[in-house]
Amino acid sequence: MHPELWDEYSRIVEKYKEEKWGIYDDTAELDRAIAISDA
């Protein structure tokens, strides 16, 4: 729907993944994210 924003969005995601200070969850397990988080 907004391919003109794809490059910027993908850069944000890839930088976050590469730096590895946070978790990027693209798995099918929503339950796990809800269960292990505190807020």
Full PDB file with SEQRES, HELIX, SHEET, SSBOND, CRYST1, ORIGX, SCALE, CONECT and MASTER records, all heavy atoms in Angstrom:
SEQRES   1 A   39  MET HIS PRO GLU LEU TRP ASP GLU TYR SER ARG ILE VAL          
SEQRES   2 A   39  GLU LYS TYR LYS GLU GLU LYS TRP GLY ILE TYR ASP ASP          
SEQRES   3 A   39  THR ALA GLU LEU ASP ARG ALA ILE ALA ILE SER ASP ALA          
HELIX    1 AA1 PRO A    3  LEU A    5  5                                   3    
HELIX    2 AA2 TRP A    6  GLU A   19  1                                  14    
HELIX    3 AA3 LEU A   30  ILE A   36  1                                   7    
CRYST1    1.000    1.000    1.000  90.00  90.00  90.00 P 1           1          
ORIGX1      1.000000  0.000000  0.000000        0.00000                         
ORIGX2      0.000000  1.000000  0.000000        0.00000                         
ORIGX3      0.000000  0.000000  1.000000        0.00000                         
SCALE1      1.000000  0.000000  0.000000        0.00000                         
SCALE2      0.000000  1.000000  0.000000        0.00000                         
SCALE3      0.000000  0.000000  1.000000        0.00000                         
ATOM      1  N   MET A   1       0.794  -1.219   0.000  1.00  0.00           N  
ATOM      2  CA  MET A   1       0.000   0.000   0.000  1.00  0.00           C  
ATOM      3  C   MET A   1       0.829   1.272   0.000  1.00  0.00           C  
ATOM      4  O   MET A   1       0.363   2.325  -0.457  1.00  0.00           O  
ATOM      5  CB  MET A   1      -0.957  -0.020   1.199  1.00  0.00           C  
ATOM      6  CG  MET A   1      -1.904  -1.217   1.189  1.00  0.00           C  
ATOM      7  SD  MET A   1      -3.168  -1.171   2.469  1.00  0.00           S  
ATOM      8  CE  MET A   1      -4.191   0.178   1.876  1.00  0.00           C  
ATOM      9  N   HIS A   2       2.070   1.192   0.514  1.00  0.00           N  
ATOM     10  CA  HIS A   2       2.945   2.372   0.513  1.00  0.00           C  
ATOM     11  C   HIS A   2       4.383   1.961   0.189  1.00  0.00           C  
ATOM     12  O   HIS A   2       5.280   2.068   1.032  1.00  0.00           O  
ATOM     13  CB  HIS A   2       2.869   3.087   1.864  1.00  0.00           C  
ATOM     14  CG  HIS A   2       1.545   3.721   2.113  1.00  0.00           C  
ATOM     15  ND1 HIS A   2       1.156   4.901   1.498  1.00  0.00           N  
ATOM     16  CD2 HIS A   2       0.495   3.317   2.865  1.00  0.00           C  
ATOM     17  CE1 HIS A   2      -0.076   5.203   1.887  1.00  0.00           C  
ATOM     18  NE2 HIS A   2      -0.497   4.261   2.700  1.00  0.00           N  
ATOM     19  N   PRO A   3       4.588   1.478  -1.020  1.00  0.00           N  
ATOM     20  CA  PRO A   3       5.928   0.997  -1.388  1.00  0.00           C  
ATOM     21  C   PRO A   3       6.996   2.082  -1.302  1.00  0.00           C  
ATOM     22  O   PRO A   3       8.186   1.770  -1.156  1.00  0.00           O  
ATOM     23  CB  PRO A   3       5.736   0.511  -2.826  1.00  0.00           C  
ATOM     24  CG  PRO A   3       4.512   1.193  -3.326  1.00  0.00           C  
ATOM     25  CD  PRO A   3       3.630   1.347  -2.130  1.00  0.00           C  
ATOM     26  N   GLU A   4       6.585   3.356  -1.363  1.00  0.00           N  
ATOM     27  CA  GLU A   4       7.558   4.451  -1.272  1.00  0.00           C  
ATOM     28  C   GLU A   4       8.193   4.530   0.111  1.00  0.00           C  
ATOM     29  O   GLU A   4       9.254   5.154   0.287  1.00  0.00           O  
ATOM     30  CB  GLU A   4       6.881   5.782  -1.618  1.00  0.00           C  
ATOM     31  CG  GLU A   4       5.961   6.360  -0.563  1.00  0.00           C  
ATOM     32  CD  GLU A   4       4.559   5.724  -0.536  1.00  0.00           C  
ATOM     33  OE1 GLU A   4       4.330   4.773  -1.317  1.00  0.00           O  
ATOM     34  OE2 GLU A   4       3.708   6.180   0.265  1.00  0.00           O  
ATOM     35  N   LEU A   5       7.586   3.884   1.113  1.00  0.00           N  
ATOM     36  CA  LEU A   5       8.117   3.903   2.477  1.00  0.00           C  
ATOM     37  C   LEU A   5       8.831   2.606   2.841  1.00  0.00           C  
ATOM     38  O   LEU A   5       9.345   2.478   3.950  1.00  0.00           O  
ATOM     39  CB  LEU A   5       6.979   4.145   3.483  1.00  0.00           C  
ATOM     40  CG  LEU A   5       6.198   5.459   3.319  1.00  0.00           C  
ATOM     41  CD1 LEU A   5       5.071   5.522   4.338  1.00  0.00           C  
ATOM     42  CD2 LEU A   5       7.119   6.655   3.462  1.00  0.00           C  
ATOM     43  N   TRP A   6       8.843   1.662   1.897  1.00  0.00           N  
ATOM     44  CA  TRP A   6       9.386   0.344   2.217  1.00  0.00           C  
ATOM     45  C   TRP A   6      10.871   0.395   2.573  1.00  0.00           C  
ATOM     46  O   TRP A   6      11.305  -0.226   3.550  1.00  0.00           O  
ATOM     47  CB  TRP A   6       9.147  -0.622   1.065  1.00  0.00           C  
ATOM     48  CG  TRP A   6       9.906  -1.921   1.222  1.00  0.00           C  
ATOM     49  CD1 TRP A   6      10.911  -2.389   0.444  1.00  0.00           C  
ATOM     50  CD2 TRP A   6       9.729  -2.889   2.261  1.00  0.00           C  
ATOM     51  NE1 TRP A   6      11.369  -3.590   0.910  1.00  0.00           N  
ATOM     52  CE2 TRP A   6      10.658  -3.921   2.031  1.00  0.00           C  
ATOM     53  CE3 TRP A   6       8.873  -2.973   3.346  1.00  0.00           C  
ATOM     54  CZ2 TRP A   6      10.761  -5.023   2.867  1.00  0.00           C  
ATOM     55  CZ3 TRP A   6       8.971  -4.087   4.186  1.00  0.00           C  
ATOM     56  CH2 TRP A   6       9.908  -5.099   3.930  1.00  0.00           C  
ATOM     57  N   ASP A   7      11.665   1.112   1.816  1.00  0.00           N  
ATOM     58  CA  ASP A   7      13.105   1.148   2.083  1.00  0.00           C  
ATOM     59  C   ASP A   7      13.393   1.671   3.482  1.00  0.00           C  
ATOM     60  O   ASP A   7      14.228   1.114   4.208  1.00  0.00           O  
ATOM     61  CB  ASP A   7      13.815   2.014   1.039  1.00  0.00           C  
ATOM     62  CG  ASP A   7      13.914   1.340  -0.319  1.00  0.00           C  
ATOM     63  OD1 ASP A   7      13.702   0.106  -0.379  1.00  0.00           O  
ATOM     64  OD2 ASP A   7      14.180   2.029  -1.311  1.00  0.00           O  
ATOM     65  N   GLU A   8      12.706   2.750   3.867  1.00  0.00           N  
ATOM     66  CA  GLU A   8      12.965   3.311   5.191  1.00  0.00           C  
ATOM     67  C   GLU A   8      12.509   2.358   6.292  1.00  0.00           C  
ATOM     68  O   GLU A   8      13.212   2.162   7.289  1.00  0.00           O  
ATOM     69  CB  GLU A   8      12.260   4.664   5.345  1.00  0.00           C  
ATOM     70  CG  GLU A   8      12.580   5.327   6.682  1.00  0.00           C  
ATOM     71  CD  GLU A   8      11.972   6.720   6.821  1.00  0.00           C  
ATOM     72  OE1 GLU A   8      11.294   7.164   5.873  1.00  0.00           O  
ATOM     73  OE2 GLU A   8      12.179   7.333   7.886  1.00  0.00           O  
ATOM     74  N   TYR A   9      11.332   1.779   6.111  1.00  0.00           N  
ATOM     75  CA  TYR A   9      10.842   0.849   7.129  1.00  0.00           C  
ATOM     76  C   TYR A   9      11.781  -0.353   7.269  1.00  0.00           C  
ATOM     77  O   TYR A   9      12.133  -0.754   8.381  1.00  0.00           O  
ATOM     78  CB  TYR A   9       9.430   0.368   6.780  1.00  0.00           C  
ATOM     79  CG  TYR A   9       8.890  -0.625   7.793  1.00  0.00           C  
ATOM     80  CD1 TYR A   9       8.398  -0.197   9.024  1.00  0.00           C  
ATOM     81  CD2 TYR A   9       8.902  -2.003   7.530  1.00  0.00           C  
ATOM     82  CE1 TYR A   9       7.924  -1.107   9.967  1.00  0.00           C  
ATOM     83  CE2 TYR A   9       8.423  -2.915   8.462  1.00  0.00           C  
ATOM     84  CZ  TYR A   9       7.935  -2.460   9.672  1.00  0.00           C  
ATOM     85  OH  TYR A   9       7.484  -3.362  10.618  1.00  0.00           O  
ATOM     86  N   SER A  10      12.204  -0.916   6.153  1.00  0.00           N  
ATOM     87  CA  SER A  10      13.074  -2.094   6.210  1.00  0.00           C  
ATOM     88  C   SER A  10      14.427  -1.742   6.835  1.00  0.00           C  
ATOM     89  O   SER A  10      15.023  -2.567   7.532  1.00  0.00           O  
ATOM     90  CB  SER A  10      13.266  -2.703   4.821  1.00  0.00           C  
ATOM     91  OG  SER A  10      13.849  -1.778   3.939  1.00  0.00           O  
ATOM     92  N   ARG A  11      14.910  -0.496   6.620  1.00  0.00           N  
ATOM     93  CA  ARG A  11      16.171  -0.081   7.254  1.00  0.00           C  
ATOM     94  C   ARG A  11      16.029  -0.026   8.773  1.00  0.00           C  
ATOM     95  O   ARG A  11      16.942  -0.423   9.510  1.00  0.00           O  
ATOM     96  CB  ARG A  11      16.608   1.290   6.719  1.00  0.00           C  
ATOM     97  CG  ARG A  11      17.310   1.240   5.362  1.00  0.00           C  
ATOM     98  CD  ARG A  11      18.076   2.527   5.075  1.00  0.00           C  
ATOM     99  NE  ARG A  11      17.182   3.682   5.012  1.00  0.00           N  
ATOM    100  CZ  ARG A  11      16.600   4.106   3.887  1.00  0.00           C  
ATOM    101  NH1 ARG A  11      16.817   3.465   2.752  1.00  0.00           N  
ATOM    102  NH2 ARG A  11      15.819   5.173   3.906  1.00  0.00           N  
ATOM    103  N   ILE A  12      14.893   0.486   9.247  1.00  0.00           N  
ATOM    104  CA  ILE A  12      14.649   0.541  10.691  1.00  0.00           C  
ATOM    105  C   ILE A  12      14.677  -0.864  11.290  1.00  0.00           C  
ATOM    106  O   ILE A  12      15.331  -1.115  12.315  1.00  0.00           O  
ATOM    107  CB  ILE A  12      13.292   1.207  10.982  1.00  0.00           C  
ATOM    108  CG1 ILE A  12      13.314   2.678  10.556  1.00  0.00           C  
ATOM    109  CG2 ILE A  12      12.944   1.100  12.466  1.00  0.00           C  
ATOM    110  CD1 ILE A  12      11.960   3.354  10.603  1.00  0.00           C  
ATOM    111  N   VAL A  13      13.999  -1.790  10.632  1.00  0.00           N  
ATOM    112  CA  VAL A  13      13.928  -3.165  11.130  1.00  0.00           C  
ATOM    113  C   VAL A  13      15.302  -3.818  11.112  1.00  0.00           C  
ATOM    114  O   VAL A  13      15.723  -4.450  12.095  1.00  0.00           O  
ATOM    115  CB  VAL A  13      12.924  -3.990  10.289  1.00  0.00           C  
ATOM    116  CG1 VAL A  13      12.985  -5.472  10.672  1.00  0.00           C  
ATOM    117  CG2 VAL A  13      11.503  -3.464  10.467  1.00  0.00           C  
ATOM    118  N   GLU A  14      16.012  -3.700  10.004  1.00  0.00           N  
ATOM    119  CA  GLU A  14      17.308  -4.363   9.883  1.00  0.00           C  
ATOM    120  C   GLU A  14      18.325  -3.799  10.873  1.00  0.00           C  
ATOM    121  O   GLU A  14      19.116  -4.551  11.459  1.00  0.00           O  
ATOM    122  CB  GLU A  14      17.834  -4.226   8.451  1.00  0.00           C  
ATOM    123  CG  GLU A  14      17.060  -5.053   7.425  1.00  0.00           C  
ATOM    124  CD  GLU A  14      16.941  -6.512   7.825  1.00  0.00           C  
ATOM    125  OE1 GLU A  14      17.971  -7.102   8.225  1.00  0.00           O  
ATOM    126  OE2 GLU A  14      15.822  -7.053   7.769  1.00  0.00           O  
ATOM    127  N   LYS A  15      18.305  -2.493  11.089  1.00  0.00           N  
ATOM    128  CA  LYS A  15      19.233  -1.897  12.063  1.00  0.00           C  
ATOM    129  C   LYS A  15      18.943  -2.435  13.460  1.00  0.00           C  
ATOM    130  O   LYS A  15      19.871  -2.779  14.219  1.00  0.00           O  
ATOM    131  CB  LYS A  15      19.107  -0.376  12.041  1.00  0.00           C  
ATOM    132  CG  LYS A  15      20.043   0.323  13.026  1.00  0.00           C  
ATOM    133  CD  LYS A  15      19.846   1.838  12.993  1.00  0.00           C  
ATOM    134  CE  LYS A  15      20.771   2.510  14.011  1.00  0.00           C  
ATOM    135  NZ  LYS A  15      20.550   3.965  14.080  1.00  0.00           N  
ATOM    136  N   TYR A  16      17.662  -2.519  13.811  1.00  0.00           N  
ATOM    137  CA  TYR A  16      17.265  -3.027  15.123  1.00  0.00           C  
ATOM    138  C   TYR A  16      17.721  -4.476  15.299  1.00  0.00           C  
ATOM    139  O   TYR A  16      18.251  -4.857  16.353  1.00  0.00           O  
ATOM    140  CB  TYR A  16      15.750  -2.909  15.265  1.00  0.00           C  
ATOM    141  CG  TYR A  16      15.183  -3.452  16.557  1.00  0.00           C  
ATOM    142  CD1 TYR A  16      15.359  -2.777  17.760  1.00  0.00           C  
ATOM    143  CD2 TYR A  16      14.454  -4.637  16.562  1.00  0.00           C  
ATOM    144  CE1 TYR A  16      14.823  -3.270  18.943  1.00  0.00           C  
ATOM    145  CE2 TYR A  16      13.912  -5.137  17.735  1.00  0.00           C  
ATOM    146  CZ  TYR A  16      14.098  -4.457  18.926  1.00  0.00           C  
ATOM    147  OH  TYR A  16      13.570  -4.940  20.088  1.00  0.00           O  
ATOM    148  N   LYS A  17      17.538  -5.268  14.266  1.00  0.00           N  
ATOM    149  CA  LYS A  17      17.960  -6.667  14.342  1.00  0.00           C  
ATOM    150  C   LYS A  17      19.468  -6.788  14.488  1.00  0.00           C  
ATOM    151  O   LYS A  17      19.977  -7.599  15.283  1.00  0.00           O  
ATOM    152  CB  LYS A  17      17.511  -7.426  13.086  1.00  0.00           C  
ATOM    153  CG  LYS A  17      16.029  -7.683  12.966  1.00  0.00           C  
ATOM    154  CD  LYS A  17      15.762  -8.449  11.660  1.00  0.00           C  
ATOM    155  CE  LYS A  17      14.316  -8.784  11.450  1.00  0.00           C  
ATOM    156  NZ  LYS A  17      14.104  -9.501  10.166  1.00  0.00           N  
ATOM    157  N   GLU A  18      20.191  -6.005  13.709  1.00  0.00           N  
ATOM    158  CA  GLU A  18      21.662  -6.096  13.701  1.00  0.00           C  
ATOM    159  C   GLU A  18      22.268  -5.677  15.032  1.00  0.00           C  
ATOM    160  O   GLU A  18      23.258  -6.255  15.486  1.00  0.00           O  
ATOM    161  CB  GLU A  18      22.225  -5.245  12.568  1.00  0.00           C  
ATOM    162  CG  GLU A  18      21.937  -5.809  11.179  1.00  0.00           C  
ATOM    163  CD  GLU A  18      22.297  -4.836  10.076  1.00  0.00           C  
ATOM    164  OE1 GLU A  18      22.794  -3.737  10.407  1.00  0.00           O  
ATOM    165  OE2 GLU A  18      22.060  -5.156   8.890  1.00  0.00           O  
ATOM    166  N   GLU A  19      21.684  -4.672  15.686  1.00  0.00           N  
ATOM    167  CA  GLU A  19      22.267  -4.165  16.942  1.00  0.00           C  
ATOM    168  C   GLU A  19      22.040  -5.123  18.111  1.00  0.00           C  
ATOM    169  O   GLU A  19      22.802  -5.109  19.087  1.00  0.00           O  
ATOM    170  CB  GLU A  19      21.676  -2.794  17.256  1.00  0.00           C  
ATOM    171  CG  GLU A  19      22.154  -1.725  16.259  1.00  0.00           C  
ATOM    172  CD  GLU A  19      21.565  -0.352  16.562  1.00  0.00           C  
ATOM    173  OE1 GLU A  19      20.612  -0.269  17.381  1.00  0.00           O  
ATOM    174  OE2 GLU A  19      22.047   0.637  15.983  1.00  0.00           O  
ATOM    175  N   LYS A  20      20.974  -5.915  18.045  1.00  0.00           N  
ATOM    176  CA  LYS A  20      20.739  -7.024  18.987  1.00  0.00           C  
ATOM    177  C   LYS A  20      20.621  -6.611  20.454  1.00  0.00           C  
ATOM    178  O   LYS A  20      20.885  -7.413  21.353  1.00  0.00           O  
ATOM    179  CB  LYS A  20      21.829  -8.086  18.836  1.00  0.00           C  
ATOM    180  CG  LYS A  20      21.843  -8.756  17.478  1.00  0.00           C  
ATOM    181  CD  LYS A  20      22.896  -9.842  17.387  1.00  0.00           C  
ATOM    182  CE  LYS A  20      22.860 -10.506  16.023  1.00  0.00           C  
ATOM    183  NZ  LYS A  20      23.871 -11.572  15.881  1.00  0.00           N  
ATOM    184  N   TRP A  21      20.246  -5.371  20.702  1.00  0.00           N  
ATOM    185  CA  TRP A  21      20.010  -4.973  22.097  1.00  0.00           C  
ATOM    186  C   TRP A  21      18.568  -5.255  22.528  1.00  0.00           C  
ATOM    187  O   TRP A  21      18.252  -5.274  23.718  1.00  0.00           O  
ATOM    188  CB  TRP A  21      20.350  -3.499  22.318  1.00  0.00           C  
ATOM    189  CG  TRP A  21      19.602  -2.556  21.408  1.00  0.00           C  
ATOM    190  CD1 TRP A  21      20.035  -2.036  20.229  1.00  0.00           C  
ATOM    191  CD2 TRP A  21      18.280  -2.042  21.624  1.00  0.00           C  
ATOM    192  NE1 TRP A  21      19.070  -1.220  19.675  1.00  0.00           N  
ATOM    193  CE2 TRP A  21      17.979  -1.205  20.521  1.00  0.00           C  
ATOM    194  CE3 TRP A  21      17.326  -2.196  22.623  1.00  0.00           C  
ATOM    195  CZ2 TRP A  21      16.770  -0.540  20.401  1.00  0.00           C  
ATOM    196  CZ3 TRP A  21      16.125  -1.527  22.517  1.00  0.00           C  
ATOM    197  CH2 TRP A  21      15.856  -0.714  21.401  1.00  0.00           C  
ATOM    198  N   GLY A  22      17.683  -5.473  21.538  1.00  0.00           N  
ATOM    199  CA  GLY A  22      16.283  -5.788  21.820  1.00  0.00           C  
ATOM    200  C   GLY A  22      15.851  -7.015  21.031  1.00  0.00           C  
ATOM    201  O   GLY A  22      16.569  -7.507  20.158  1.00  0.00           O  
ATOM    202  N   ILE A  23      14.670  -7.495  21.333  1.00  0.00           N  
ATOM    203  CA  ILE A  23      14.122  -8.690  20.684  1.00  0.00           C  
ATOM    204  C   ILE A  23      13.221  -8.262  19.529  1.00  0.00           C  
ATOM    205  O   ILE A  23      12.372  -7.380  19.688  1.00  0.00           O  
ATOM    206  CB  ILE A  23      13.306  -9.530  21.684  1.00  0.00           C  
ATOM    207  CG1 ILE A  23      14.206 -10.036  22.824  1.00  0.00           C  
ATOM    208  CG2 ILE A  23      12.611 -10.702  20.991  1.00  0.00           C  
ATOM    209  CD1 ILE A  23      13.420 -10.586  24.014  1.00  0.00           C  
ATOM    210  N   TYR A  24      13.410  -8.893  18.375  1.00  0.00           N  
ATOM    211  CA  TYR A  24      12.493  -8.702  17.247  1.00  0.00           C  
ATOM    212  C   TYR A  24      11.718 -10.010  17.073  1.00  0.00           C  
ATOM    213  O   TYR A  24      12.294 -11.045  16.739  1.00  0.00           O  
ATOM    214  CB  TYR A  24      13.242  -8.356  15.973  1.00  0.00           C  
ATOM    215  CG  TYR A  24      12.324  -8.023  14.809  1.00  0.00           C  
ATOM    216  CD1 TYR A  24      11.718  -6.778  14.720  1.00  0.00           C  
ATOM    217  CD2 TYR A  24      12.051  -8.965  13.817  1.00  0.00           C  
ATOM    218  CE1 TYR A  24      10.870  -6.466  13.667  1.00  0.00           C  
ATOM    219  CE2 TYR A  24      11.200  -8.664  12.764  1.00  0.00           C  
ATOM    220  CZ  TYR A  24      10.615  -7.413  12.692  1.00  0.00           C  
ATOM    221  OH  TYR A  24       9.771  -7.104  11.650  1.00  0.00           O  
ATOM    222  N   ASP A  25      10.420  -9.947  17.316  1.00  0.00           N  
ATOM    223  CA  ASP A  25       9.604 -11.161  17.310  1.00  0.00           C  
ATOM    224  C   ASP A  25       8.707 -11.177  16.076  1.00  0.00           C  
ATOM    225  O   ASP A  25       7.675 -10.513  16.033  1.00  0.00           O  
ATOM    226  CB  ASP A  25       8.753 -11.208  18.580  1.00  0.00           C  
ATOM    227  CG  ASP A  25       7.941 -12.498  18.696  1.00  0.00           C  
ATOM    228  OD1 ASP A  25       8.134 -13.382  17.832  1.00  0.00           O  
ATOM    229  OD2 ASP A  25       7.140 -12.615  19.635  1.00  0.00           O  
ATOM    230  N   ASP A  26       9.103 -11.967  15.086  1.00  0.00           N  
ATOM    231  CA  ASP A  26       8.262 -12.139  13.901  1.00  0.00           C  
ATOM    232  C   ASP A  26       7.799 -13.597  13.788  1.00  0.00           C  
ATOM    233  O   ASP A  26       7.480 -14.081  12.707  1.00  0.00           O  
ATOM    234  CB  ASP A  26       8.992 -11.720  12.632  1.00  0.00           C  
ATOM    235  CG  ASP A  26      10.278 -12.506  12.413  1.00  0.00           C  
ATOM    236  OD1 ASP A  26      10.641 -13.317  13.279  1.00  0.00           O  
ATOM    237  OD2 ASP A  26      10.919 -12.304  11.363  1.00  0.00           O  
ATOM    238  N   THR A  27       7.749 -14.270  14.930  1.00  0.00           N  
ATOM    239  CA  THR A  27       7.304 -15.664  14.956  1.00  0.00           C  
ATOM    240  C   THR A  27       5.778 -15.719  14.961  1.00  0.00           C  
ATOM    241  O   THR A  27       5.091 -14.697  15.040  1.00  0.00           O  
ATOM    242  CB  THR A  27       7.832 -16.388  16.205  1.00  0.00           C  
ATOM    243  OG1 THR A  27       7.155 -15.882  17.368  1.00  0.00           O  
ATOM    244  CG2 THR A  27       9.330 -16.182  16.358  1.00  0.00           C  
ATOM    245  N   ALA A  28       5.261 -16.937  14.914  1.00  0.00           N  
ATOM    246  CA  ALA A  28       3.801 -17.130  14.960  1.00  0.00           C  
ATOM    247  C   ALA A  28       3.277 -17.167  16.389  1.00  0.00           C  
ATOM    248  O   ALA A  28       2.076 -17.337  16.602  1.00  0.00           O  
ATOM    249  CB  ALA A  28       3.443 -18.431  14.247  1.00  0.00           C  
ATOM    250  N   GLU A  29       4.152 -16.988  17.388  1.00  0.00           N  
ATOM    251  CA  GLU A  29       3.775 -17.229  18.784  1.00  0.00           C  
ATOM    252  C   GLU A  29       3.443 -15.939  19.532  1.00  0.00           C  
ATOM    253  O   GLU A  29       4.232 -15.445  20.343  1.00  0.00           O  
ATOM    254  CB  GLU A  29       4.897 -17.984  19.492  1.00  0.00           C  
ATOM    255  CG  GLU A  29       5.184 -19.341  18.873  1.00  0.00           C  
ATOM    256  CD  GLU A  29       6.268 -20.096  19.599  1.00  0.00           C  
ATOM    257  OE1 GLU A  29       6.097 -20.339  20.813  1.00  0.00           O  
ATOM    258  OE2 GLU A  29       7.283 -20.432  18.982  1.00  0.00           O  
ATOM    259  N   LEU A  30       2.281 -15.392  19.258  1.00  0.00           N  
ATOM    260  CA  LEU A  30       1.807 -14.228  20.004  1.00  0.00           C  
ATOM    261  C   LEU A  30       1.678 -14.554  21.487  1.00  0.00           C  
ATOM    262  O   LEU A  30       1.988 -13.722  22.351  1.00  0.00           O  
ATOM    263  CB  LEU A  30       0.457 -13.766  19.441  1.00  0.00           C  
ATOM    264  CG  LEU A  30      -0.277 -12.674  20.218  1.00  0.00           C  
ATOM    265  CD1 LEU A  30       0.541 -11.396  20.258  1.00  0.00           C  
ATOM    266  CD2 LEU A  30      -1.657 -12.422  19.618  1.00  0.00           C  
ATOM    267  N   ASP A  31       1.226 -15.763  21.786  1.00  0.00           N  
ATOM    268  CA  ASP A  31       1.044 -16.167  23.182  1.00  0.00           C  
ATOM    269  C   ASP A  31       2.328 -15.986  23.986  1.00  0.00           C  
ATOM    270  O   ASP A  31       2.298 -15.540  25.135  1.00  0.00           O  
ATOM    271  CB  ASP A  31       0.624 -17.634  23.258  1.00  0.00           C  
ATOM    272  CG  ASP A  31      -0.800 -17.842  22.794  1.00  0.00           C  
ATOM    273  OD1 ASP A  31      -1.474 -16.843  22.512  1.00  0.00           O  
ATOM    274  OD2 ASP A  31      -1.227 -19.003  22.699  1.00  0.00           O  
ATOM    275  N   ARG A  32       3.446 -16.369  23.402  1.00  0.00           N  
ATOM    276  CA  ARG A  32       4.720 -16.276  24.123  1.00  0.00           C  
ATOM    277  C   ARG A  32       5.045 -14.831  24.451  1.00  0.00           C  
ATOM    278  O   ARG A  32       5.488 -14.518  25.565  1.00  0.00           O  
ATOM    279  CB  ARG A  32       5.839 -16.898  23.286  1.00  0.00           C  
ATOM    280  CG  ARG A  32       7.202 -16.822  23.940  1.00  0.00           C  
ATOM    281  CD  ARG A  32       8.254 -17.586  23.158  1.00  0.00           C  
ATOM    282  NE  ARG A  32       8.393 -17.087  21.801  1.00  0.00           N  
ATOM    283  CZ  ARG A  32       9.157 -17.664  20.870  1.00  0.00           C  
ATOM    284  NH1 ARG A  32       9.815 -18.785  21.165  1.00  0.00           N  
ATOM    285  NH2 ARG A  32       9.243 -17.152  19.663  1.00  0.00           N  
ATOM    286  N   ALA A  33       4.833 -13.932  23.488  1.00  0.00           N  
ATOM    287  CA  ALA A  33       5.121 -12.515  23.727  1.00  0.00           C  
ATOM    288  C   ALA A  33       4.264 -11.978  24.868  1.00  0.00           C  
ATOM    289  O   ALA A  33       4.742 -11.193  25.709  1.00  0.00           O  
ATOM    290  CB  ALA A  33       4.879 -11.717  22.450  1.00  0.00           C  
ATOM    291  N   ILE A  34       3.003 -12.368  24.903  1.00  0.00           N  
ATOM    292  CA  ILE A  34       2.110 -11.919  25.980  1.00  0.00           C  
ATOM    293  C   ILE A  34       2.542 -12.517  27.310  1.00  0.00           C  
ATOM    294  O   ILE A  34       2.576 -11.836  28.344  1.00  0.00           O  
ATOM    295  CB  ILE A  34       0.656 -12.300  25.658  1.00  0.00           C  
ATOM    296  CG1 ILE A  34       0.165 -11.528  24.427  1.00  0.00           C  
ATOM    297  CG2 ILE A  34      -0.255 -12.033  26.844  1.00  0.00           C  
ATOM    298  CD1 ILE A  34      -1.224 -11.929  23.950  1.00  0.00           C  
ATOM    299  N   ALA A  35       2.893 -13.802  27.292  1.00  0.00           N  
ATOM    300  CA  ALA A  35       3.205 -14.509  28.544  1.00  0.00           C  
ATOM    301  C   ALA A  35       4.491 -14.019  29.198  1.00  0.00           C  
ATOM    302  O   ALA A  35       4.542 -13.871  30.427  1.00  0.00           O  
ATOM    303  CB  ALA A  35       3.288 -16.011  28.274  1.00  0.00           C  
ATOM    304  N   ILE A  36       5.536 -13.763  28.418  1.00  0.00           N  
ATOM    305  CA  ILE A  36       6.830 -13.442  29.023  1.00  0.00           C  
ATOM    306  C   ILE A  36       7.012 -11.953  29.283  1.00  0.00           C  
ATOM    307  O   ILE A  36       7.960 -11.557  29.964  1.00  0.00           O  
ATOM    308  CB  ILE A  36       8.003 -13.957  28.157  1.00  0.00           C  
ATOM    309  CG1 ILE A  36       8.118 -13.157  26.850  1.00  0.00           C  
ATOM    310  CG2 ILE A  36       7.851 -15.439  27.883  1.00  0.00           C  
ATOM    311  CD1 ILE A  36       9.347 -13.524  26.035  1.00  0.00           C  
ATOM    312  N   SER A  37       6.119 -11.127  28.763  1.00  0.00           N  
ATOM    313  CA  SER A  37       6.270  -9.682  28.967  1.00  0.00           C  
ATOM    314  C   SER A  37       5.594  -9.245  30.252  1.00  0.00           C  
ATOM    315  O   SER A  37       4.681  -9.898  30.758  1.00  0.00           O  
ATOM    316  CB  SER A  37       5.697  -8.916  27.774  1.00  0.00           C  
ATOM    317  OG  SER A  37       4.323  -9.208  27.598  1.00  0.00           O  
ATOM    318  N   ASP A  38       6.044  -8.090  30.762  1.00  0.00           N  
ATOM    319  CA  ASP A  38       5.494  -7.554  32.016  1.00  0.00           C  
ATOM    320  C   ASP A  38       4.509  -6.424  31.777  1.00  0.00           C  
ATOM    321  O   ASP A  38       3.740  -6.069  32.679  1.00  0.00           O  
ATOM    322  CB  ASP A  38       6.642  -7.046  32.904  1.00  0.00           C  
ATOM    323  CG  ASP A  38       7.593  -8.158  33.271  1.00  0.00           C  
ATOM    324  OD1 ASP A  38       7.204  -9.016  34.086  1.00  0.00           O  
ATOM    325  OD2 ASP A  38       8.713  -8.193  32.734  1.00  0.00           O  
ATOM    326  N   ALA A  39       4.546  -5.837  30.590  1.00  0.00           N  
ATOM    327  CA  ALA A  39       3.625  -4.744  30.271  1.00  0.00           C  
ATOM    328  C   ALA A  39       3.555  -4.589  28.756  1.00  0.00           C  
ATOM    329  O   ALA A  39       4.452  -5.023  28.027  1.00  0.00           O  
ATOM    330  CB  ALA A  39       4.082  -3.440  30.919  1.00  0.00           C  
TER     331      ALA A  39                                                      
MASTER        0    0    0    3    0    0    0    6  330    1    0    3          
END                                                                             
